[in-house]
């Protein structure tokens, strides 16, 4: 039998396996994504974590460290994981190990630390919080290339936007009730037990998410790259940027948009400082979390539908302009109504990011190169993403929130224009 015939037969067998198990894999991945989404919503990095850190320290720099450390920890290790992942015929086993132990366990440990140490030793609690935040972020980063490659194997390209949209939407709808619970827990329970409970709850929801991950039915990869030493593997990466012009433009455009997220961690702190005092802080935090998650729940479905039909580039470019509007509304916020609108538009942007930021990477390359492109993209963005929240903290501390929000709006606009006018939709390669 000719090699081409064997390859065609293997491809047909693989396609048949994927088609046969599509509904099952779609369902279990909905469980994974939905429960992972709600697990993060009850300890929201945009609302809950900043308020927690503000109780442990008066430093705005520390608040800026939340997205900086979390994102840097997530992005930096991905190339190391990708170099190992792309030669594995099955991606699920390594995803389960990293995702179970390194990524999910720290949420429960943070809850324990808060319960026993937050009142007795706030500086140590703050240190351990950031340490465990880095560990879970590194775990998430290491797990991302094999997990996303597994998703690409079991879910066809025309269904990935729907999976992300529906999964995140279900998680967000569940998160609405979680947000109401957040407000109630923060208002009715004493500190630090209220925050400790939220992190323990997040860990429990993560366990359900892990079960969904474990139930995936994954076919063997048809193509895997040969083993390369780390030195040789890293040496081939610059050639990708040199030869893949559209991919390079995407990286630049995406970078500009990410600079436009520098105010994300400060909207909730700005709200509590400007509009509420004392016991009302908890209820306002719960309200804004509910608005944020509600807008994500609604927009995830729309973005997923749009992504499958028109491509992920249109989703990301549209979302950048919504990010700009969110910053402008915060800049103009003279009432809680405008602030609520800020969180609505921020939620819409975050939903688009959930649906398309990772999925679009899969469409720039061939199957065997997917882990490398995932790792390369996120590693290239890592230094910028880590510094952006710190830049936001600097602007907020030295020039005030108005300067921060105005700068955010300008950068989001530039990123949206670049993504719209400069980047071609990779799904429809000429």
Protein backbone atom coordinates (compact mmCIF):
# COMPACT_ATOMS: atom_id res chain seq x y z
CA UNK A 1 0.00 0.00 0.00
CA UNK A 2 1.35 3.43 -0.95
CA UNK A 3 2.34 5.76 1.92
CA UNK A 4 -0.24 8.31 0.77
CA UNK A 5 -2.93 5.62 0.86
CA UNK A 6 -1.91 4.58 4.37
CA UNK A 7 -1.97 8.20 5.48
CA UNK A 8 -5.41 8.72 3.95
CA UNK A 9 -6.68 5.56 5.64
CA UNK A 10 -5.31 6.70 9.01
CA UNK A 11 -6.88 10.12 8.56
CA UNK A 12 -10.23 8.56 7.69
CA UNK A 13 -10.05 6.29 10.74
CA UNK A 14 -9.15 9.26 12.94
CA UNK A 15 -12.00 11.35 11.52
CA UNK A 16 -14.43 8.49 12.15
CA UNK A 17 -13.25 8.21 15.79
CA UNK A 18 -13.65 11.96 16.33
CA UNK A 19 -17.12 11.96 14.74
CA UNK A 20 -18.25 8.94 16.76
CA UNK A 21 -17.15 10.48 20.06
CA UNK A 22 -17.93 14.12 19.27
CA UNK A 23 -21.08 14.41 21.38
CA UNK A 24 -19.40 12.67 24.33
CA UNK A 25 -16.26 14.79 24.14
CA UNK A 26 -18.30 17.96 23.64
CA UNK A 27 -20.33 17.12 26.76
CA UNK A 28 -17.45 16.26 29.08
CA UNK A 29 -15.50 19.31 27.95
CA UNK A 30 -18.54 21.45 28.71
CA UNK A 31 -18.37 20.06 32.26
CA UNK A 32 -14.66 20.83 32.46
CA UNK A 33 -14.92 24.36 31.07
CA UNK A 34 -18.13 25.30 32.89
CA UNK A 35 -17.00 24.21 36.35
CA UNK A 36 -13.51 25.60 35.83
CA UNK A 37 -15.08 28.92 34.84
CA UNK A 38 -17.31 29.14 37.91
CA UNK A 39 -14.43 28.02 40.13
CA UNK A 40 -12.51 31.10 39.01
CA UNK A 41 -15.53 33.41 39.18
CA UNK A 42 -16.07 32.94 42.92
CA UNK A 43 -12.50 34.13 43.53
CA UNK A 44 -12.54 36.62 40.64
CA UNK A 45 -9.15 38.10 39.83
CA UNK A 46 -10.90 41.32 38.81
CA UNK A 47 -13.01 41.79 41.97
CA UNK A 48 -12.47 39.35 44.86
CA UNK A 49 -8.68 39.01 44.82
CA UNK A 50 -7.98 42.78 44.69
CA UNK A 51 -10.28 43.36 47.68
CA UNK A 52 -8.60 40.50 49.58
CA UNK A 53 -5.13 41.90 48.93
CA UNK A 54 -6.30 45.39 49.93
CA UNK A 55 -7.22 43.93 53.33
CA UNK A 56 -3.75 42.43 53.72
CA UNK A 57 -1.83 45.55 52.62
CA UNK A 58 -2.36 49.20 51.66
CA UNK A 59 -0.03 48.87 48.66
CA UNK A 60 -1.57 49.45 45.23
CA UNK A 61 1.56 47.84 43.82
CA UNK A 62 0.52 44.59 45.53
CA UNK A 63 -2.85 44.78 43.79
CA UNK A 64 -1.05 45.19 40.47
CA UNK A 65 0.96 42.07 41.27
CA UNK A 66 -2.18 39.90 41.11
CA UNK A 67 -2.61 39.93 37.32
CA UNK A 68 1.12 40.37 36.76
CA UNK A 69 2.22 37.26 38.67
CA UNK A 70 -0.76 35.19 37.57
CA UNK A 71 -0.29 35.98 33.90
CA UNK A 72 3.51 35.79 33.95
CA UNK A 73 3.37 32.43 35.71
CA UNK A 74 0.85 31.19 33.16
CA UNK A 75 2.71 32.34 30.05
CA UNK A 76 6.41 31.77 30.74
CA UNK A 77 6.63 27.94 31.11
CA UNK A 78 4.59 27.08 28.03
CA UNK A 79 7.48 26.60 25.59
CA UNK A 80 9.05 24.06 27.94
CA UNK A 81 5.78 22.17 28.01
CA UNK A 82 5.27 22.54 24.25
CA UNK A 83 8.67 21.08 23.36
CA UNK A 84 7.77 17.94 25.30
CA UNK A 85 4.10 17.82 24.30
CA UNK A 86 4.46 17.95 20.52
CA UNK A 87 6.13 14.54 20.39
CA UNK A 88 3.47 12.79 22.53
CA UNK A 89 0.82 10.75 20.66
CA UNK A 90 -1.61 11.29 23.58
CA UNK A 91 -1.95 14.63 25.37
CA UNK A 92 -4.52 13.80 28.07
CA UNK A 93 -2.29 11.98 30.62
CA UNK A 94 0.19 14.84 31.02
CA UNK A 95 -2.68 17.35 31.06
CA UNK A 96 -4.38 15.47 33.88
CA UNK A 97 -1.25 15.27 36.02
CA UNK A 98 -0.29 18.92 35.69
CA UNK A 99 -3.86 20.21 35.75
CA UNK A 100 -4.78 18.17 38.80
CA UNK A 101 -1.81 18.62 41.12
CA UNK A 102 -0.08 21.86 40.16
CA UNK A 103 -2.99 23.90 38.81
CA UNK A 104 -5.99 23.03 41.00
CA UNK A 105 -4.62 22.09 44.44
CA UNK A 106 -3.25 25.58 45.35
CA UNK A 107 -6.78 27.05 45.46
CA UNK A 108 -7.61 24.84 48.42
CA UNK A 109 -4.29 25.64 50.07
CA UNK A 110 -4.94 29.38 49.80
CA UNK A 111 -8.22 28.85 51.65
CA UNK A 112 -6.41 27.02 54.45
CA UNK A 113 -3.75 29.74 54.68
CA UNK A 114 -6.39 32.47 54.93
CA UNK A 115 -8.31 30.60 57.61
CA UNK A 116 -5.32 30.04 59.89
CA UNK A 117 -2.93 32.95 59.18
CA UNK A 118 -4.69 36.01 57.73
CA UNK A 119 -5.42 37.71 61.07
CA UNK A 120 -2.33 36.46 62.91
CA UNK A 121 0.26 37.29 60.27
CA UNK A 122 -0.93 39.38 57.29
CA UNK A 123 2.55 39.77 55.67
CA UNK A 124 3.15 36.00 55.70
CA UNK A 125 -0.38 35.42 54.42
CA UNK A 126 0.22 37.86 51.57
CA UNK A 127 3.49 36.12 50.68
CA UNK A 128 1.90 32.66 50.70
CA UNK A 129 -1.07 33.92 48.69
CA UNK A 130 1.21 35.22 45.95
CA UNK A 131 3.39 32.08 46.08
CA UNK A 132 0.40 29.78 45.62
CA UNK A 133 -1.01 32.09 42.95
CA UNK A 134 2.25 31.71 41.02
CA UNK A 135 2.22 27.90 41.46
CA UNK A 136 -1.33 27.50 40.15
CA UNK A 137 -0.55 29.89 37.29
CA UNK A 138 2.58 27.93 36.32
CA UNK A 139 0.52 24.73 36.44
CA UNK A 140 -2.07 26.30 34.18
CA UNK A 141 0.67 27.40 31.79
CA UNK A 142 2.31 23.98 31.66
CA UNK A 143 -1.05 22.31 31.06
CA UNK A 144 -2.23 24.68 28.33
CA UNK A 145 -0.28 23.34 25.28
CA UNK A 146 -1.24 19.68 25.81
CA UNK A 147 -4.81 20.55 26.85
CA UNK A 148 -5.46 22.83 23.90
CA UNK A 149 -3.87 20.35 21.48
CA UNK A 150 -6.13 17.64 22.91
CA UNK A 151 -9.16 19.89 22.37
CA UNK A 152 -8.07 20.47 18.77
CA UNK A 153 -7.90 16.69 18.29
CA UNK A 154 -11.32 15.85 19.72
CA UNK A 155 -13.32 18.94 18.62
CA UNK A 156 -13.41 19.98 14.91
CA UNK A 157 -12.47 23.57 14.06
CA UNK A 158 -16.06 24.55 13.22
CA UNK A 159 -17.21 23.52 16.72
CA UNK A 160 -14.45 24.99 18.90
CA UNK A 161 -15.97 28.45 19.18
CA UNK A 162 -19.29 26.88 20.17
CA UNK A 163 -17.58 24.71 22.80
CA UNK A 164 -15.75 27.68 24.31
CA UNK A 165 -18.79 29.92 24.11
CA UNK A 166 -21.32 27.47 25.55
CA UNK A 167 -18.92 26.13 28.19
CA UNK A 168 -17.91 29.55 29.41
CA UNK A 169 -21.50 30.76 29.21
CA UNK A 170 -22.78 27.90 31.37
CA UNK A 171 -19.96 28.57 33.79
CA UNK A 172 -20.81 32.26 33.79
CA UNK A 173 -24.54 31.63 34.38
CA UNK A 174 -23.59 29.42 37.29
CA UNK A 175 -21.18 32.15 38.25
CA UNK A 176 -24.02 34.66 38.53
CA UNK A 177 -25.36 32.67 41.44
CA UNK A 178 -21.80 32.32 42.63
CA UNK A 179 -21.42 36.10 42.53
CA UNK A 180 -24.55 36.53 44.61
CA UNK A 181 -23.03 34.03 47.02
CA UNK A 182 -19.77 36.03 46.98
CA UNK A 183 -21.60 39.17 48.05
CA UNK A 184 -23.54 37.32 50.74
CA UNK A 185 -20.48 35.51 52.11
CA UNK A 186 -18.34 38.66 52.18
CA UNK A 187 -21.11 40.67 53.85
CA UNK A 188 -22.40 38.11 56.36
CA UNK A 189 -19.24 36.24 57.37
CA UNK A 190 -16.33 37.73 59.23
CA UNK A 191 -12.91 38.27 57.69
CA UNK A 192 -10.89 36.17 56.90
CA UNK A 193 -13.29 33.21 57.08
CA UNK A 194 -15.37 34.67 54.25
CA UNK A 195 -12.46 34.72 51.80
CA UNK A 196 -11.21 31.33 53.01
CA UNK A 197 -14.63 29.80 52.29
CA UNK A 198 -14.60 31.20 48.74
CA UNK A 199 -11.23 29.61 47.95
CA UNK A 200 -12.28 26.24 49.41
CA UNK A 201 -15.45 26.43 47.30
CA UNK A 202 -13.34 27.21 44.23
CA UNK A 203 -11.21 24.12 44.87
CA UNK A 204 -14.31 21.93 45.23
CA UNK A 205 -15.67 23.15 41.89
CA UNK A 206 -12.25 22.49 40.34
CA UNK A 207 -12.54 18.82 41.32
CA UNK A 208 -15.72 18.51 39.24
CA UNK A 209 -13.94 20.24 36.37
CA UNK A 210 -11.11 17.71 36.62
CA UNK A 211 -13.56 14.82 36.30
CA UNK A 212 -14.80 16.27 33.02
CA UNK A 213 -11.22 16.54 31.77
CA UNK A 214 -10.48 12.93 32.71
CA UNK A 215 -13.47 11.61 30.73
CA UNK A 216 -12.19 12.80 27.33
CA UNK A 217 -11.83 10.14 24.62
CA UNK A 218 -8.69 11.10 22.73
CA UNK A 219 -7.42 9.52 19.50
CA UNK A 220 -3.71 9.06 18.89
CA UNK A 221 -2.04 11.93 17.03
CA UNK A 222 -1.49 11.21 13.33
CA UNK A 223 1.55 13.45 13.21
CA UNK A 224 4.07 14.20 15.94
CA UNK A 225 7.34 16.03 15.63
CA UNK A 226 10.63 14.28 16.20
CA UNK A 227 12.46 14.77 19.46
CA UNK A 228 14.80 17.76 19.47
CA UNK A 229 17.16 18.89 22.16
CA UNK A 230 15.94 21.99 23.95
CA UNK A 231 18.72 23.97 22.28
CA UNK A 232 17.70 22.86 18.78
CA UNK A 233 14.03 23.34 19.57
CA UNK A 234 14.55 26.92 20.73
CA UNK A 235 16.78 27.62 17.73
CA UNK A 236 13.94 26.93 15.28
CA UNK A 237 11.53 29.40 16.88
CA UNK A 238 12.90 32.66 15.37
CA UNK A 239 12.32 31.23 11.90
CA UNK A 240 8.59 31.08 12.63
CA UNK A 241 8.46 34.80 13.32
CA UNK A 242 10.65 35.54 10.32
CA UNK A 243 8.62 33.59 7.77
CA UNK A 244 5.05 33.71 9.12
CA UNK A 245 4.17 37.34 8.46
CA UNK A 246 0.49 37.18 9.37
CA UNK A 247 1.29 35.41 12.63
CA UNK A 248 3.84 38.12 13.45
CA UNK A 249 1.26 40.84 12.81
CA UNK A 250 -1.15 39.01 15.09
CA UNK A 251 1.42 39.00 17.90
CA UNK A 252 1.97 42.75 17.56
CA UNK A 253 -1.76 43.53 17.42
CA UNK A 254 -2.48 41.25 20.35
CA UNK A 255 0.27 42.99 22.34
CA UNK A 256 -1.35 46.39 21.84
CA UNK A 257 -4.72 45.06 22.99
CA UNK A 258 -3.15 43.51 26.08
CA UNK A 259 -1.62 46.86 27.03
CA UNK A 260 -5.21 48.07 26.97
CA UNK A 261 -6.01 45.70 29.85
CA UNK A 262 -3.77 47.52 32.34
CA UNK A 263 -6.72 48.93 34.28
CA UNK A 264 -8.61 45.64 34.64
CA UNK A 265 -7.51 44.92 38.20
CA UNK A 266 -8.25 48.47 39.36
CA UNK A 267 -11.88 48.95 38.36
CA UNK A 268 -13.24 47.24 41.49
CA UNK A 269 -10.80 49.02 43.81
CA UNK A 270 -11.69 52.35 42.17
CA UNK A 271 -15.36 51.53 42.74
CA UNK A 272 -14.97 50.74 46.44
CA UNK A 273 -12.79 53.80 47.06
CA UNK A 274 -15.10 56.20 45.24
CA UNK A 275 -18.63 55.02 45.87
CA UNK A 276 -18.78 52.90 49.02
CA UNK A 277 -17.45 52.79 52.53
CA UNK A 278 -17.42 50.32 55.39
CA UNK A 279 -19.77 47.36 55.24
CA UNK A 280 -21.13 48.42 51.82
CA UNK A 281 -17.84 47.45 50.16
CA UNK A 282 -18.75 43.76 50.30
CA UNK A 283 -22.17 44.24 48.70
CA UNK A 284 -20.72 46.46 45.95
CA UNK A 285 -18.04 43.86 45.23
CA UNK A 286 -20.72 41.20 44.90
CA UNK A 287 -22.82 43.42 42.61
CA UNK A 288 -19.93 44.21 40.27
CA UNK A 289 -18.89 40.56 40.19
CA UNK A 290 -22.47 39.63 39.23
CA UNK A 291 -22.53 42.25 36.46
CA UNK A 292 -19.17 41.09 35.16
CA UNK A 293 -20.17 37.43 35.08
CA UNK A 294 -23.65 38.13 33.68
CA UNK A 295 -22.22 39.98 30.71
CA UNK A 296 -19.74 37.15 30.16
CA UNK A 297 -22.57 34.60 30.24
CA UNK A 298 -24.55 36.44 27.58
CA UNK A 299 -21.62 37.40 25.36
CA UNK A 300 -19.89 34.00 25.39
CA UNK A 301 -22.71 32.49 23.34
CA UNK A 302 -22.65 35.30 20.81
CA UNK A 303 -18.87 35.30 20.48
CA UNK A 304 -18.82 31.51 20.05
CA UNK A 305 -21.44 31.68 17.29
CA UNK A 306 -19.55 34.50 15.56
CA UNK A 307 -16.17 32.77 15.87
CA UNK A 308 -17.34 29.54 14.22
CA UNK A 309 -18.92 31.37 11.31
CA UNK A 310 -16.67 34.37 10.70
CA UNK A 311 -13.44 33.49 12.49
CA UNK A 312 -11.73 34.33 15.76
CA UNK A 313 -9.98 37.42 14.38
CA UNK A 314 -13.27 39.30 14.11
CA UNK A 315 -14.10 38.37 17.69
CA UNK A 316 -10.79 39.67 19.04
CA UNK A 317 -10.86 42.90 17.03
CA UNK A 318 -14.46 43.66 18.05
CA UNK A 319 -13.67 42.95 21.69
CA UNK A 320 -10.79 45.43 21.68
CA UNK A 321 -13.20 48.27 20.94
CA UNK A 322 -15.46 47.13 23.79
CA UNK A 323 -12.42 47.19 26.09
CA UNK A 324 -11.84 50.79 25.01
CA UNK A 325 -15.46 51.69 25.82
CA UNK A 326 -15.12 50.10 29.28
CA UNK A 327 -12.13 52.31 30.06
CA UNK A 328 -13.88 55.44 28.77
CA UNK A 329 -16.93 54.73 30.93
CA UNK A 330 -14.70 54.33 34.00
CA UNK A 331 -12.96 57.59 33.08
CA UNK A 332 -16.35 59.33 32.99
CA UNK A 333 -17.84 57.45 35.96
CA UNK A 334 -19.73 59.99 38.04
CA UNK A 335 -22.29 57.45 39.24
CA UNK A 336 -22.60 53.75 39.95
CA UNK A 337 -24.61 53.32 36.73
CA UNK A 338 -21.61 54.20 34.56
CA UNK A 339 -19.46 51.94 36.70
CA UNK A 340 -21.88 49.06 36.18
CA UNK A 341 -21.69 49.70 32.41
CA UNK A 342 -17.90 49.55 32.70
CA UNK A 343 -18.13 46.03 34.10
CA UNK A 344 -20.65 45.03 31.42
CA UNK A 345 -18.25 45.98 28.64
CA UNK A 346 -15.30 44.50 30.51
CA UNK A 347 -17.22 41.23 30.83
CA UNK A 348 -17.92 41.24 27.09
CA UNK A 349 -14.21 41.70 26.37
CA UNK A 350 -13.24 38.92 28.77
CA UNK A 351 -15.80 36.60 27.14
CA UNK A 352 -14.30 37.23 23.71
CA UNK A 353 -10.85 36.58 25.11
CA UNK A 354 -12.03 33.26 26.56
CA UNK A 355 -13.58 32.17 23.27
CA UNK A 356 -10.93 33.23 20.77
CA UNK A 357 -7.55 34.14 22.27
CA UNK A 358 -6.34 30.53 22.39
CA UNK A 359 -8.47 29.03 19.62
CA UNK A 360 -7.13 31.39 16.97
CA UNK A 361 -3.57 30.16 17.58
CA UNK A 362 -4.53 26.66 16.42
CA UNK A 363 -5.38 28.04 12.98
CA UNK A 364 -2.00 29.61 12.21
CA UNK A 365 -0.16 26.26 11.89
CA UNK A 366 -0.19 22.56 11.00
CA UNK A 367 -1.33 19.88 13.47
CA UNK A 368 2.12 18.77 14.61
CA UNK A 369 3.18 22.36 15.34
CA UNK A 370 0.18 23.34 17.46
CA UNK A 371 1.87 22.99 20.89
CA UNK A 372 4.81 25.08 19.68
CA UNK A 373 2.61 27.89 18.37
CA UNK A 374 0.60 27.88 21.59
CA UNK A 375 3.73 28.04 23.73
CA UNK A 376 5.51 30.54 21.48
CA UNK A 377 2.55 32.91 21.39
CA UNK A 378 2.07 32.98 25.13
CA UNK A 379 5.80 33.15 25.88
CA UNK A 380 6.26 36.11 23.54
CA UNK A 381 3.42 37.92 25.27
CA UNK A 382 4.52 37.01 28.80
CA UNK A 383 6.95 39.87 29.58
CA UNK A 384 4.52 42.45 28.27
CA UNK A 385 1.53 40.99 30.08
CA UNK A 386 3.47 40.80 33.34
CA UNK A 387 4.55 44.43 33.12
CA UNK A 388 1.21 45.88 32.00
CA UNK A 389 -0.56 45.55 35.41
CA UNK A 390 2.49 47.05 37.11
CA UNK A 391 2.36 49.95 34.67
CA UNK A 392 -1.29 50.29 35.60
CA UNK A 393 -0.38 50.35 39.28
CA UNK A 394 2.27 53.02 38.62
CA UNK A 395 -0.16 55.23 36.71
CA UNK A 396 -2.87 54.81 39.37
CA UNK A 397 -0.47 55.59 42.22
CA UNK A 398 1.37 58.54 40.66
CA UNK A 399 -1.13 60.11 38.25
CA UNK A 400 -4.52 58.85 39.41
CA UNK A 401 -7.22 56.65 38.01
CA UNK A 402 -8.24 59.11 35.28
CA UNK A 403 -4.82 58.89 33.62
CA UNK A 404 -4.87 55.11 33.93
CA UNK A 405 -8.29 54.78 32.31
CA UNK A 406 -7.50 57.25 29.50
CA UNK A 407 -4.24 55.47 28.64
CA UNK A 408 -6.04 52.13 28.67
CA UNK A 409 -8.66 53.40 26.21
CA UNK A 410 -6.06 54.68 23.75
CA UNK A 411 -4.08 51.43 23.72
CA UNK A 412 -7.21 49.30 23.30
CA UNK A 413 -8.23 51.45 20.33
CA UNK A 414 -4.81 51.08 18.67
CA UNK A 415 -4.86 47.32 19.21
CA UNK A 416 -8.35 47.00 17.79
CA UNK A 417 -7.43 48.95 14.67
CA UNK A 418 -4.28 46.88 14.14
CA UNK A 419 -6.14 43.58 14.53
CA UNK A 420 -8.91 44.76 12.18
CA UNK A 421 -6.83 46.30 9.40
CA UNK A 422 -3.51 44.46 9.54
CA UNK A 423 -4.18 40.81 10.41
CA UNK A 424 -5.77 38.36 7.94
CA UNK A 425 -8.21 35.74 9.23
CA UNK A 426 -5.92 32.65 9.49
CA UNK A 427 -8.75 30.17 8.90
CA UNK A 428 -9.03 31.29 5.30
CA UNK A 429 -5.43 31.04 4.18
CA UNK A 430 -4.81 32.13 0.62
